[in-house]
Amino acid sequence: MSVTSAARKGFTPLQALKDRISKISRGGEACKERLVTGFTLVELLIVIAILAVLAAAVVIVLNPAELLAQARDSQRVNDLDTVKNALSIYISQATTINLGACPAGGYCMVGTAGPFTTSATCATKTGTVTDGAATNWVDVDLNGIPGGSPIPYLPTDPSNNATYFYAYACSESPNYVFELNGRLESQKHRTKMTTDGGNKNNCATYTESTCFYELGTAAGLAL
């Protein structure tokens, strides 16, 4: 048998290449057929069920309501700390100190249940100006600080209703002292109301009149 005859009857690289191309072509056609058929109803239902389970798990883990409550609490803590710092600057720098009317029940931004021990209620004030007007919930003329008020306006509780509000009380005798109160709501932050060093730390439901977040300069925060 000649070499030429053997080459014709045997396996050649060219033939292998042709076979490979043919398989690829057939496979491509099969893939096209599978793609044309699409998903079955059962497959779609399974995918939808998996997505629903994942969405529910995300909601449970993230708990949007708690995250929103935490954001409001962070604002409350920052707001009251800002007012505290402004009042401290006023007391230390003002030529004549006047902490306001300093009524026994204190001032509230809104609401009927006062946070202070000396009165069951606090007078509702809605003003947020820093000029010391009697209508402001902090009736101190912060504009009297050399250089002007360190804050543009008095902050308001993000909810600002009968449950969540800001309050102010003061005493000018024997020392110039004040107290600021607010109520926290989130699971993460509301326990601060029991450890802030104030006298309103009796918290069972975290909404009663004996439960407030307190800060200021008064001894025992018991104005």
N, C-alpha and C. Protein backbone atom coordinates (compact mmCIF):
# COMPACT_ATOMS: atom_id res chain seq x y z
N MET A 1 0.86 -1.20 0.00
CA MET A 1 0.00 0.00 0.00
C MET A 1 0.89 1.24 0.00
N SER A 2 0.62 2.16 -0.87
CA SER A 2 1.44 3.38 -0.95
C SER A 2 1.08 4.35 0.17
N VAL A 3 2.00 5.29 0.40
CA VAL A 3 1.78 6.31 1.43
C VAL A 3 0.57 7.17 1.10
N THR A 4 0.39 7.46 -0.20
CA THR A 4 -0.74 8.30 -0.61
C THR A 4 -2.06 7.63 -0.33
N SER A 5 -2.11 6.30 -0.60
CA SER A 5 -3.34 5.55 -0.34
C SER A 5 -3.67 5.49 1.13
N ALA A 6 -2.61 5.27 1.97
CA ALA A 6 -2.83 5.21 3.43
C ALA A 6 -3.33 6.52 3.97
N ALA A 7 -2.81 7.63 3.43
CA ALA A 7 -3.23 8.95 3.92
C ALA A 7 -4.68 9.22 3.63
N ARG A 8 -5.17 8.70 2.49
CA ARG A 8 -6.57 8.94 2.13
C ARG A 8 -7.51 8.18 3.05
N LYS A 9 -7.10 6.93 3.45
CA LYS A 9 -7.98 6.11 4.26
C LYS A 9 -7.83 6.42 5.75
N GLY A 10 -6.76 7.03 6.19
CA GLY A 10 -6.50 7.28 7.62
C GLY A 10 -7.12 8.58 8.12
N PHE A 11 -6.78 8.93 9.40
CA PHE A 11 -7.31 10.13 10.08
C PHE A 11 -6.38 11.29 9.81
N THR A 12 -6.88 12.36 9.30
CA THR A 12 -6.05 13.52 8.98
C THR A 12 -6.43 14.71 9.84
N PRO A 13 -5.52 15.63 10.11
CA PRO A 13 -5.83 16.84 10.89
C PRO A 13 -6.94 17.66 10.28
N LEU A 14 -7.00 17.70 8.95
CA LEU A 14 -8.04 18.46 8.29
C LEU A 14 -9.42 17.89 8.58
N GLN A 15 -9.50 16.55 8.59
CA GLN A 15 -10.77 15.91 8.88
C GLN A 15 -11.21 16.18 10.31
N ALA A 16 -10.24 16.15 11.23
CA ALA A 16 -10.54 16.44 12.64
C ALA A 16 -11.11 17.84 12.80
N LEU A 17 -10.52 18.79 12.06
CA LEU A 17 -11.00 20.15 12.13
C LEU A 17 -12.43 20.26 11.60
N LYS A 18 -12.70 19.57 10.50
CA LYS A 18 -14.05 19.58 9.95
C LYS A 18 -15.06 18.99 10.92
N ASP A 19 -14.67 17.87 11.57
CA ASP A 19 -15.57 17.25 12.55
C ASP A 19 -15.86 18.19 13.72
N ARG A 20 -14.82 18.90 14.18
CA ARG A 20 -14.97 19.82 15.31
C ARG A 20 -15.94 20.94 14.96
N ILE A 21 -15.78 21.50 13.74
CA ILE A 21 -16.66 22.58 13.29
C ILE A 21 -18.09 22.09 13.19
N SER A 22 -18.25 20.87 12.73
CA SER A 22 -19.59 20.30 12.61
C SER A 22 -20.27 20.15 13.96
N LYS A 23 -19.50 19.68 14.99
CA LYS A 23 -20.06 19.51 16.33
C LYS A 23 -20.46 20.85 16.94
N ILE A 24 -19.59 21.82 16.72
CA ILE A 24 -19.89 23.15 17.26
C ILE A 24 -21.16 23.70 16.64
N SER A 25 -21.28 23.48 15.34
CA SER A 25 -22.47 23.96 14.64
C SER A 25 -23.72 23.29 15.16
N ARG A 26 -23.64 21.97 15.35
CA ARG A 26 -24.80 21.25 15.86
C ARG A 26 -25.13 21.69 17.29
N GLY A 27 -24.10 21.90 18.08
CA GLY A 27 -24.32 22.37 19.46
C GLY A 27 -24.97 23.74 19.48
N GLY A 28 -24.54 24.62 18.58
CA GLY A 28 -25.13 25.95 18.51
C GLY A 28 -26.59 25.90 18.15
N GLU A 29 -26.94 25.03 17.25
CA GLU A 29 -28.34 24.88 16.89
C GLU A 29 -29.16 24.39 18.07
N ALA A 30 -28.56 23.46 18.82
CA ALA A 30 -29.27 22.94 20.01
C ALA A 30 -29.50 24.03 21.03
N CYS A 31 -28.46 24.87 21.23
CA CYS A 31 -28.60 25.97 22.18
C CYS A 31 -29.69 26.93 21.75
N LYS A 32 -29.72 27.20 20.43
CA LYS A 32 -30.76 28.09 19.93
C LYS A 32 -32.14 27.53 20.21
N GLU A 33 -32.27 26.20 20.02
CA GLU A 33 -33.55 25.57 20.27
C GLU A 33 -33.95 25.69 21.74
N ARG A 34 -32.96 25.53 22.64
CA ARG A 34 -33.26 25.62 24.07
C ARG A 34 -33.64 27.06 24.45
N LEU A 35 -32.94 28.04 23.86
CA LEU A 35 -33.25 29.43 24.17
C LEU A 35 -34.64 29.83 23.69
N VAL A 36 -35.01 29.31 22.55
CA VAL A 36 -36.33 29.63 22.01
C VAL A 36 -37.44 29.13 22.92
N THR A 37 -37.21 27.98 23.56
CA THR A 37 -38.24 27.40 24.43
C THR A 37 -38.50 28.25 25.65
N GLY A 38 -37.49 29.02 26.24
CA GLY A 38 -37.66 29.88 27.39
C GLY A 38 -37.83 29.11 28.69
N PHE A 39 -38.28 29.83 29.77
CA PHE A 39 -38.49 29.22 31.07
C PHE A 39 -39.89 28.61 31.15
N THR A 40 -39.98 27.55 31.88
CA THR A 40 -41.29 26.95 32.12
C THR A 40 -41.98 27.70 33.26
N LEU A 41 -43.27 27.50 33.43
CA LEU A 41 -44.03 28.15 34.49
C LEU A 41 -43.49 27.75 35.86
N VAL A 42 -43.12 26.49 36.02
CA VAL A 42 -42.59 26.01 37.30
C VAL A 42 -41.29 26.73 37.63
N GLU A 43 -40.44 26.89 36.63
CA GLU A 43 -39.16 27.58 36.86
C GLU A 43 -39.39 29.03 37.27
N LEU A 44 -40.35 29.69 36.62
CA LEU A 44 -40.65 31.07 36.97
C LEU A 44 -41.19 31.18 38.39
N LEU A 45 -42.05 30.26 38.77
CA LEU A 45 -42.60 30.27 40.13
C LEU A 45 -41.51 30.05 41.16
N ILE A 46 -40.56 29.17 40.86
CA ILE A 46 -39.46 28.91 41.78
C ILE A 46 -38.61 30.16 41.96
N VAL A 47 -38.30 30.84 40.86
CA VAL A 47 -37.51 32.07 40.93
C VAL A 47 -38.23 33.14 41.73
N ILE A 48 -39.53 33.30 41.48
CA ILE A 48 -40.32 34.30 42.22
C ILE A 48 -40.34 33.99 43.71
N ALA A 49 -40.50 32.72 44.05
CA ALA A 49 -40.52 32.31 45.46
C ALA A 49 -39.18 32.60 46.13
N ILE A 50 -38.08 32.34 45.44
CA ILE A 50 -36.75 32.61 46.00
C ILE A 50 -36.56 34.10 46.23
N LEU A 51 -36.98 34.92 45.25
CA LEU A 51 -36.86 36.37 45.40
C LEU A 51 -37.70 36.88 46.56
N ALA A 52 -38.88 36.32 46.74
CA ALA A 52 -39.75 36.74 47.84
C ALA A 52 -39.13 36.42 49.18
N VAL A 53 -38.53 35.23 49.29
CA VAL A 53 -37.88 34.84 50.54
C VAL A 53 -36.70 35.76 50.83
N LEU A 54 -35.91 36.06 49.81
CA LEU A 54 -34.76 36.95 49.99
C LEU A 54 -35.21 38.35 50.40
N ALA A 55 -36.27 38.86 49.77
CA ALA A 55 -36.78 40.19 50.12
C ALA A 55 -37.27 40.23 51.56
N ALA A 56 -37.98 39.19 51.98
CA ALA A 56 -38.47 39.14 53.37
C ALA A 56 -37.30 39.09 54.35
N ALA A 57 -36.26 38.33 53.99
CA ALA A 57 -35.09 38.23 54.87
C ALA A 57 -34.40 39.58 55.01
N VAL A 58 -34.30 40.32 53.90
CA VAL A 58 -33.67 41.64 53.94
C VAL A 58 -34.46 42.59 54.83
N VAL A 59 -35.79 42.57 54.71
CA VAL A 59 -36.64 43.44 55.53
C VAL A 59 -36.48 43.12 57.01
N ILE A 60 -36.43 41.82 57.33
CA ILE A 60 -36.29 41.41 58.73
C ILE A 60 -34.95 41.82 59.29
N VAL A 61 -33.90 41.64 58.50
CA VAL A 61 -32.55 41.96 58.98
C VAL A 61 -32.36 43.46 59.11
N LEU A 62 -32.78 44.22 58.10
CA LEU A 62 -32.56 45.66 58.13
C LEU A 62 -33.57 46.40 59.01
N ASN A 63 -34.83 45.94 59.07
CA ASN A 63 -35.87 46.56 59.88
C ASN A 63 -35.94 48.07 59.61
N PRO A 64 -36.53 48.46 58.49
CA PRO A 64 -36.57 49.88 58.12
C PRO A 64 -37.15 50.79 59.21
N ALA A 65 -38.17 50.32 59.91
CA ALA A 65 -38.78 51.16 60.96
C ALA A 65 -37.78 51.49 62.06
N GLU A 66 -36.98 50.49 62.46
CA GLU A 66 -35.97 50.71 63.49
C GLU A 66 -34.87 51.64 62.98
N LEU A 67 -34.48 51.50 61.72
CA LEU A 67 -33.45 52.36 61.16
C LEU A 67 -33.92 53.82 61.13
N LEU A 68 -35.18 54.04 60.78
CA LEU A 68 -35.72 55.39 60.78
C LEU A 68 -35.78 55.96 62.20
N ALA A 69 -36.16 55.12 63.17
CA ALA A 69 -36.20 55.56 64.57
C ALA A 69 -34.80 55.91 65.06
N GLN A 70 -33.81 55.12 64.66
CA GLN A 70 -32.43 55.42 65.04
C GLN A 70 -31.97 56.75 64.46
N ALA A 71 -32.36 57.01 63.22
CA ALA A 71 -31.98 58.28 62.59
C ALA A 71 -32.60 59.46 63.34
N ARG A 72 -33.87 59.33 63.72
CA ARG A 72 -34.52 60.41 64.48
C ARG A 72 -33.86 60.59 65.84
N ASP A 73 -33.51 59.49 66.50
CA ASP A 73 -32.85 59.59 67.80
C ASP A 73 -31.48 60.26 67.69
N SER A 74 -30.75 59.94 66.64
CA SER A 74 -29.44 60.58 66.43
C SER A 74 -29.61 62.08 66.28
N GLN A 75 -30.66 62.50 65.56
CA GLN A 75 -30.93 63.93 65.42
C GLN A 75 -31.29 64.54 66.76
N ARG A 76 -32.09 63.82 67.57
CA ARG A 76 -32.49 64.36 68.88
C ARG A 76 -31.27 64.58 69.78
N VAL A 77 -30.40 63.60 69.83
CA VAL A 77 -29.20 63.71 70.67
C VAL A 77 -28.34 64.88 70.20
N ASN A 78 -28.15 65.00 68.88
CA ASN A 78 -27.33 66.08 68.34
C ASN A 78 -27.99 67.44 68.58
N ASP A 79 -29.31 67.51 68.40
CA ASP A 79 -30.02 68.77 68.61
C ASP A 79 -29.86 69.27 70.04
N LEU A 80 -30.13 68.39 71.00
CA LEU A 80 -30.07 68.80 72.40
C LEU A 80 -28.64 69.15 72.81
N ASP A 81 -27.69 68.42 72.27
CA ASP A 81 -26.28 68.73 72.58
C ASP A 81 -25.89 70.08 72.00
N THR A 82 -26.42 70.40 70.82
CA THR A 82 -26.14 71.69 70.20
C THR A 82 -26.70 72.84 71.03
N VAL A 83 -27.95 72.68 71.51
CA VAL A 83 -28.56 73.72 72.34
C VAL A 83 -27.82 73.84 73.67
N LYS A 84 -27.42 72.72 74.23
CA LYS A 84 -26.66 72.75 75.49
C LYS A 84 -25.36 73.54 75.31
N ASN A 85 -24.65 73.29 74.25
CA ASN A 85 -23.39 74.01 74.01
C ASN A 85 -23.64 75.50 73.81
N ALA A 86 -24.73 75.84 73.11
CA ALA A 86 -25.05 77.24 72.88
C ALA A 86 -25.36 77.95 74.20
N LEU A 87 -26.13 77.30 75.07
CA LEU A 87 -26.46 77.89 76.37
C LEU A 87 -25.22 78.02 77.25
N SER A 88 -24.34 77.04 77.17
CA SER A 88 -23.10 77.11 77.96
C SER A 88 -22.24 78.27 77.51
N ILE A 89 -22.17 78.49 76.21
CA ILE A 89 -21.41 79.63 75.69
C ILE A 89 -22.05 80.94 76.15
N TYR A 90 -23.38 80.98 76.12
CA TYR A 90 -24.09 82.19 76.55
C TYR A 90 -23.79 82.51 78.01
N ILE A 91 -23.87 81.51 78.88
CA ILE A 91 -23.63 81.74 80.31
C ILE A 91 -22.20 82.20 80.56
N SER A 92 -21.27 81.68 79.79
CA SER A 92 -19.86 82.02 80.02
C SER A 92 -19.43 83.33 79.38
N GLN A 93 -20.17 83.82 78.37
CA GLN A 93 -19.69 84.98 77.63
C GLN A 93 -20.63 86.18 77.66
N ALA A 94 -21.92 85.97 77.92
CA ALA A 94 -22.85 87.11 77.89
C ALA A 94 -22.55 88.10 79.00
N THR A 95 -22.71 89.37 78.70
CA THR A 95 -22.46 90.41 79.71
C THR A 95 -23.48 90.35 80.82
N THR A 96 -24.74 90.20 80.47
CA THR A 96 -25.82 90.04 81.44
C THR A 96 -26.53 88.73 81.15
N ILE A 97 -26.61 87.87 82.16
CA ILE A 97 -27.19 86.54 81.97
C ILE A 97 -28.68 86.56 82.31
N ASN A 98 -29.47 86.06 81.40
CA ASN A 98 -30.90 85.92 81.62
C ASN A 98 -31.34 84.61 80.97
N LEU A 99 -31.61 83.61 81.79
CA LEU A 99 -31.97 82.29 81.27
C LEU A 99 -33.45 82.17 80.94
N GLY A 100 -34.17 83.27 80.97
CA GLY A 100 -35.59 83.23 80.64
C GLY A 100 -36.46 83.29 81.87
N ALA A 101 -37.73 82.99 81.69
CA ALA A 101 -38.68 83.07 82.79
C ALA A 101 -38.43 82.00 83.84
N CYS A 102 -37.84 80.87 83.44
CA CYS A 102 -37.57 79.75 84.34
C CYS A 102 -38.81 79.35 85.17
N PRO A 103 -39.93 79.05 84.52
CA PRO A 103 -41.12 78.64 85.28
C PRO A 103 -40.91 77.28 85.91
N ALA A 104 -41.68 76.99 86.93
CA ALA A 104 -41.52 75.74 87.66
C ALA A 104 -41.69 74.52 86.77
N GLY A 105 -42.61 74.60 85.84
CA GLY A 105 -42.88 73.44 84.99
C GLY A 105 -41.99 73.35 83.76
N GLY A 106 -41.23 74.41 83.47
CA GLY A 106 -40.38 74.40 82.29
C GLY A 106 -41.14 74.66 81.01
N TYR A 107 -40.42 74.71 79.92
CA TYR A 107 -41.01 74.94 78.61
C TYR A 107 -40.91 73.68 77.76
N CYS A 108 -41.95 73.42 76.99
CA CYS A 108 -41.95 72.31 76.03
C CYS A 108 -42.08 72.88 74.64
N MET A 109 -41.54 72.17 73.67
CA MET A 109 -41.76 72.58 72.28
C MET A 109 -43.20 72.28 71.89
N VAL A 110 -43.71 71.17 72.35
CA VAL A 110 -45.09 70.77 72.07
C VAL A 110 -45.45 69.71 73.10
N GLY A 111 -46.71 69.38 73.24
CA GLY A 111 -47.08 68.30 74.15
C GLY A 111 -47.73 68.77 75.42
N THR A 112 -48.27 67.85 76.19
CA THR A 112 -48.97 68.18 77.43
C THR A 112 -48.34 67.54 78.65
N ALA A 113 -47.58 66.49 78.47
CA ALA A 113 -46.95 65.81 79.62
C ALA A 113 -45.56 66.36 79.82
N GLY A 114 -45.39 67.14 80.87
CA GLY A 114 -44.10 67.76 81.13
C GLY A 114 -43.08 66.79 81.68
N PRO A 115 -41.83 66.96 81.33
CA PRO A 115 -40.79 66.05 81.79
C PRO A 115 -40.21 66.40 83.15
N PHE A 116 -40.65 67.50 83.77
CA PHE A 116 -39.97 67.99 84.96
C PHE A 116 -40.72 67.62 86.24
N THR A 117 -39.95 67.43 87.28
CA THR A 117 -40.51 66.92 88.54
C THR A 117 -41.41 67.94 89.23
N THR A 118 -41.20 69.22 89.00
CA THR A 118 -41.93 70.23 89.75
C THR A 118 -43.32 70.52 89.22
N SER A 119 -43.66 69.94 88.09
CA SER A 119 -44.98 70.19 87.52
C SER A 119 -45.42 69.02 86.67
N ALA A 120 -46.73 68.77 86.65
CA ALA A 120 -47.26 67.68 85.82
C ALA A 120 -47.26 68.06 84.35
N THR A 121 -47.24 69.35 84.07
CA THR A 121 -47.25 69.81 82.69
C THR A 121 -46.22 70.89 82.49
N CYS A 122 -45.86 71.11 81.24
CA CYS A 122 -44.97 72.22 80.93
C CYS A 122 -45.65 73.11 79.91
N ALA A 123 -45.37 74.39 79.96
CA ALA A 123 -46.02 75.35 79.07
C ALA A 123 -45.55 75.12 77.63
N THR A 124 -46.50 74.98 76.72
CA THR A 124 -46.16 74.72 75.32
C THR A 124 -45.68 76.00 74.64
N LYS A 125 -44.52 75.91 74.02
CA LYS A 125 -43.95 77.02 73.27
C LYS A 125 -43.63 76.53 71.87
N THR A 126 -43.90 77.33 70.87
CA THR A 126 -43.69 76.90 69.49
C THR A 126 -42.62 77.69 68.76
N GLY A 127 -42.08 78.73 69.40
CA GLY A 127 -41.08 79.56 68.73
C GLY A 127 -39.71 78.89 68.66
N THR A 128 -38.99 79.16 67.58
CA THR A 128 -37.65 78.58 67.40
C THR A 128 -36.60 79.65 67.11
N VAL A 129 -36.91 80.89 67.46
CA VAL A 129 -35.98 82.00 67.23
C VAL A 129 -34.99 82.07 68.39
N THR A 130 -33.83 82.65 68.16
CA THR A 130 -32.79 82.71 69.19
C THR A 130 -32.71 84.09 69.85
N ASP A 131 -33.80 84.87 69.77
CA ASP A 131 -33.76 86.24 70.28
C ASP A 131 -34.29 86.39 71.70
N GLY A 132 -34.62 85.27 72.34
CA GLY A 132 -35.07 85.33 73.73
C GLY A 132 -36.53 85.67 73.90
N ALA A 133 -37.32 85.67 72.85
CA ALA A 133 -38.74 86.00 72.96
C ALA A 133 -39.45 84.95 73.81
N ALA A 134 -40.50 85.39 74.50
CA ALA A 134 -41.23 84.51 75.41
C ALA A 134 -41.93 83.37 74.68
N THR A 135 -42.11 83.50 73.39
CA THR A 135 -42.79 82.46 72.61
C THR A 135 -41.84 81.32 72.22
N ASN A 136 -40.56 81.49 72.44
CA ASN A 136 -39.58 80.46 72.07
C ASN A 136 -39.49 79.39 73.15
N TRP A 137 -39.27 78.13 72.75
CA TRP A 137 -39.21 77.07 73.75
C TRP A 137 -37.94 77.15 74.59
N VAL A 138 -36.93 77.84 74.13
CA VAL A 138 -35.80 78.28 74.96
C VAL A 138 -35.77 79.80 74.85
N ASP A 139 -36.27 80.47 75.91
CA ASP A 139 -36.43 81.92 75.84
C ASP A 139 -35.18 82.64 76.33
N VAL A 140 -34.05 82.29 75.74
CA VAL A 140 -32.77 82.90 76.06
C VAL A 140 -32.28 83.66 74.83
N ASP A 141 -31.82 84.88 75.05
CA ASP A 141 -31.34 85.70 73.93
C ASP A 141 -29.91 85.30 73.57
N LEU A 142 -29.81 84.25 72.76
CA LEU A 142 -28.49 83.79 72.34
C LEU A 142 -27.80 84.79 71.44
N ASN A 143 -28.56 85.73 70.89
CA ASN A 143 -27.95 86.77 70.07
C ASN A 143 -27.09 87.71 70.91
N GLY A 144 -27.25 87.64 72.25
CA GLY A 144 -26.46 88.48 73.14
C GLY A 144 -25.04 87.99 73.33
N ILE A 145 -24.72 86.85 72.78
CA ILE A 145 -23.34 86.35 72.85
C ILE A 145 -22.46 87.21 71.95
N PRO A 146 -21.29 87.64 72.41
CA PRO A 146 -20.39 88.40 71.53
C PRO A 146 -20.14 87.62 70.23
N GLY A 147 -20.44 88.26 69.14
CA GLY A 147 -20.30 87.58 67.86
C GLY A 147 -21.60 86.97 67.37
N GLY A 148 -22.64 87.02 68.20
CA GLY A 148 -23.93 86.51 67.78
C GLY A 148 -24.20 85.08 68.21
N SER A 149 -25.39 84.62 67.94
CA SER A 149 -25.81 83.28 68.34
C SER A 149 -24.99 82.22 67.59
N PRO A 150 -24.54 81.18 68.30
CA PRO A 150 -23.78 80.11 67.63
C PRO A 150 -24.67 79.18 66.81
N ILE A 151 -26.00 79.31 66.97
CA ILE A 151 -26.92 78.48 66.18
C ILE A 151 -27.91 79.41 65.49
N PRO A 152 -28.34 79.09 64.27
CA PRO A 152 -29.25 79.99 63.54
C PRO A 152 -30.68 79.96 64.06
N TYR A 153 -31.08 78.86 64.65
CA TYR A 153 -32.44 78.73 65.18
C TYR A 153 -32.47 77.58 66.18
N LEU A 154 -33.54 77.52 66.97
CA LEU A 154 -33.71 76.44 67.93
C LEU A 154 -34.25 75.21 67.20
N PRO A 155 -33.62 74.06 67.36
CA PRO A 155 -34.08 72.86 66.64
C PRO A 155 -35.41 72.36 67.15
N THR A 156 -36.08 71.60 66.32
CA THR A 156 -37.37 71.00 66.65
C THR A 156 -37.26 69.49 66.57
N ASP A 157 -37.92 68.79 67.48
CA ASP A 157 -37.92 67.33 67.45
C ASP A 157 -38.41 66.85 66.08
N PRO A 158 -37.77 65.83 65.49
CA PRO A 158 -38.18 65.35 64.15
C PRO A 158 -39.62 64.86 64.07
N SER A 159 -40.18 64.41 65.21
CA SER A 159 -41.59 64.02 65.23
C SER A 159 -42.45 65.16 65.76
N ASN A 160 -42.01 65.78 66.83
CA ASN A 160 -42.65 66.96 67.42
C ASN A 160 -44.14 66.77 67.63
N ASN A 161 -44.47 65.84 68.52
CA ASN A 161 -45.87 65.61 68.87
C ASN A 161 -45.97 65.48 70.39
N ALA A 162 -47.10 64.99 70.87
CA ALA A 162 -47.32 64.92 72.31
C ALA A 162 -46.40 63.91 73.00
N THR A 163 -45.80 63.00 72.25
CA THR A 163 -44.91 61.99 72.83
C THR A 163 -43.45 62.36 72.67
N TYR A 164 -43.10 62.85 71.52
CA TYR A 164 -41.70 63.18 71.22
C TYR A 164 -41.57 64.69 71.00
N PHE A 165 -40.90 65.35 71.95
CA PHE A 165 -40.75 66.81 71.91
C PHE A 165 -39.54 67.20 72.72
N TYR A 166 -39.11 68.45 72.58
CA TYR A 166 -38.00 68.98 73.36
C TYR A 166 -38.54 69.87 74.48
N ALA A 167 -37.82 69.92 75.59
CA ALA A 167 -38.25 70.74 76.73
C ALA A 167 -37.05 71.41 77.38
N TYR A 168 -37.33 72.53 78.03
CA TYR A 168 -36.28 73.35 78.65
C TYR A 168 -36.74 73.84 80.01
N ALA A 169 -35.84 73.76 80.98
CA ALA A 169 -36.10 74.32 82.32
C ALA A 169 -34.82 74.98 82.80
N CYS A 170 -34.95 75.95 83.71
CA CYS A 170 -33.76 76.66 84.17
C CYS A 170 -33.93 77.15 85.60
N SER A 171 -32.82 77.56 86.18
CA SER A 171 -32.81 78.16 87.51
C SER A 171 -31.64 79.13 87.58
N GLU A 172 -31.91 80.34 88.03
CA GLU A 172 -30.84 81.35 88.11
C GLU A 172 -30.31 81.52 89.52
N SER A 173 -30.92 80.85 90.48
CA SER A 173 -30.48 81.00 91.87
C SER A 173 -30.37 79.62 92.53
N PRO A 174 -29.28 79.33 93.19
CA PRO A 174 -28.13 80.22 93.44
C PRO A 174 -27.16 80.30 92.27
N ASN A 175 -27.27 79.36 91.32
CA ASN A 175 -26.39 79.37 90.16
C ASN A 175 -27.21 79.37 88.88
N TYR A 176 -26.60 79.77 87.81
CA TYR A 176 -27.25 79.74 86.51
C TYR A 176 -27.14 78.33 85.93
N VAL A 177 -28.23 77.58 86.04
CA VAL A 177 -28.21 76.21 85.55
C VAL A 177 -29.44 75.97 84.67
N PHE A 178 -29.37 74.94 83.86
CA PHE A 178 -30.49 74.64 82.96
C PHE A 178 -30.54 73.14 82.70
N GLU A 179 -31.66 72.72 82.14
CA GLU A 179 -31.85 71.31 81.79
C GLU A 179 -32.61 71.24 80.47
N LEU A 180 -32.19 70.31 79.62
CA LEU A 180 -32.84 70.05 78.35
C LEU A 180 -33.29 68.60 78.31
N ASN A 181 -34.50 68.37 77.85
CA ASN A 181 -35.05 67.02 77.80
C ASN A 181 -35.60 66.68 76.43
N GLY A 182 -35.55 65.40 76.11
CA GLY A 182 -36.17 64.87 74.90
C GLY A 182 -36.45 63.40 75.14
N ARG A 183 -37.17 62.77 74.25
CA ARG A 183 -37.48 61.36 74.41
C ARG A 183 -36.96 60.59 73.20
N LEU A 184 -36.30 59.46 73.47
CA LEU A 184 -35.74 58.61 72.41
C LEU A 184 -36.66 57.42 72.19
N GLU A 185 -36.65 56.88 70.97
CA GLU A 185 -37.63 55.85 70.63
C GLU A 185 -37.06 54.54 70.12
N SER A 186 -35.86 54.53 69.57
CA SER A 186 -35.34 53.32 68.94
C SER A 186 -34.83 52.33 69.97
N GLN A 187 -34.83 51.07 69.59
CA GLN A 187 -34.30 50.01 70.46
C GLN A 187 -32.84 50.27 70.78
N LYS A 188 -32.11 50.82 69.84
CA LYS A 188 -30.68 51.04 70.01
C LYS A 188 -30.37 52.16 70.98
N HIS A 189 -31.14 53.25 70.94
CA HIS A 189 -30.77 54.46 71.70
C HIS A 189 -31.61 54.72 72.94
N ARG A 190 -32.82 54.17 73.04
CA ARG A 190 -33.71 54.60 74.12
C ARG A 190 -33.21 54.23 75.51
N THR A 191 -32.33 53.24 75.62
CA THR A 191 -31.79 52.90 76.94
C THR A 191 -30.90 54.02 77.50
N LYS A 192 -30.51 54.97 76.66
CA LYS A 192 -29.73 56.11 77.15
C LYS A 192 -30.54 56.94 78.14
N MET A 193 -31.85 56.83 78.07
CA MET A 193 -32.70 57.60 78.99
C MET A 193 -32.59 57.08 80.42
N THR A 194 -32.09 55.87 80.59
CA THR A 194 -31.95 55.30 81.94
C THR A 194 -30.54 55.47 82.50
N THR A 195 -29.62 55.96 81.68
CA THR A 195 -28.22 56.04 82.12
C THR A 195 -27.62 57.43 81.90
N ASP A 196 -28.46 58.46 81.75
CA ASP A 196 -27.93 59.80 81.44
C ASP A 196 -27.61 60.61 82.69
N GLY A 197 -27.82 60.02 83.87
CA GLY A 197 -27.52 60.72 85.11
C GLY A 197 -28.63 61.61 85.61
N GLY A 198 -29.75 61.65 84.90
CA GLY A 198 -30.86 62.49 85.32
C GLY A 198 -31.82 61.77 86.24
N ASN A 199 -32.88 62.46 86.62
CA ASN A 199 -33.85 61.87 87.54
C ASN A 199 -35.05 61.27 86.81
N LYS A 200 -35.11 61.42 85.48
CA LYS A 200 -36.21 60.84 84.71
C LYS A 200 -35.72 59.57 84.00
N ASN A 201 -35.34 58.59 84.79
CA ASN A 201 -34.79 57.36 84.21
C ASN A 201 -35.61 56.12 84.57
N ASN A 202 -36.84 56.35 85.02
CA ASN A 202 -37.74 55.23 85.32
C ASN A 202 -38.53 54.90 84.05
N CYS A 203 -38.03 53.93 83.29
CA CYS A 203 -38.58 53.66 81.96
C CYS A 203 -39.05 52.21 81.85
N ALA A 204 -40.36 52.05 81.78
CA ALA A 204 -40.94 50.73 81.56
C ALA A 204 -41.37 50.57 80.11
N THR A 205 -42.10 51.57 79.61
CA THR A 205 -42.54 51.54 78.21
C THR A 205 -41.75 52.53 77.36
N TYR A 206 -40.89 53.32 78.00
CA TYR A 206 -40.06 54.33 77.33
C TYR A 206 -40.86 55.50 76.77
N THR A 207 -42.11 55.62 77.17
CA THR A 207 -42.92 56.76 76.74
C THR A 207 -43.61 57.46 77.90
N GLU A 208 -43.43 56.96 79.12
CA GLU A 208 -44.10 57.57 80.26
C GLU A 208 -43.41 58.86 80.67
N SER A 209 -44.08 59.67 81.51
CA SER A 209 -43.56 60.98 81.91
C SER A 209 -42.35 60.87 82.84
N THR A 210 -42.01 59.68 83.26
CA THR A 210 -40.82 59.48 84.09
C THR A 210 -39.64 58.99 83.27
N CYS A 211 -39.73 59.09 81.96
CA CYS A 211 -38.68 58.56 81.09
C CYS A 211 -38.31 59.60 80.04
N PHE A 212 -37.12 60.24 80.22
CA PHE A 212 -36.64 61.23 79.27
C PHE A 212 -35.13 61.19 79.17
N TYR A 213 -34.64 61.60 78.03
CA TYR A 213 -33.20 61.80 77.84
C TYR A 213 -32.88 63.20 78.32
N GLU A 214 -32.01 63.33 79.32
CA GLU A 214 -31.76 64.61 79.97
C GLU A 214 -30.29 65.00 79.85
N LEU A 215 -30.06 66.27 79.68
CA LEU A 215 -28.72 66.81 79.74
C LEU A 215 -28.78 68.28 80.11
N GLY A 216 -27.69 68.79 80.65
CA GLY A 216 -27.66 70.17 81.10
C GLY A 216 -26.63 70.36 82.19
N THR A 217 -26.79 71.44 82.97
CA THR A 217 -25.82 71.78 84.02
C THR A 217 -26.42 71.72 85.42
N ALA A 218 -27.72 71.45 85.52
CA ALA A 218 -28.35 71.40 86.85
C ALA A 218 -27.90 70.15 87.59
N ALA A 219 -27.73 70.29 88.89
CA ALA A 219 -27.32 69.15 89.72
C ALA A 219 -28.38 68.07 89.68
N GLY A 220 -27.98 66.86 89.30
CA GLY A 220 -28.90 65.75 89.24
C GLY A 220 -29.92 65.84 88.12
N LEU A 221 -29.81 66.91 87.32
CA LEU A 221 -30.75 67.12 86.22
C LEU A 221 -32.18 66.97 86.72
N ALA A 222 -32.47 67.60 87.83
CA ALA A 222 -33.76 67.41 88.51
C ALA A 222 -34.58 68.69 88.57
N LEU A 223 -34.47 69.54 87.56
CA LEU A 223 -35.29 70.75 87.56
C LEU A 223 -36.74 70.44 87.28
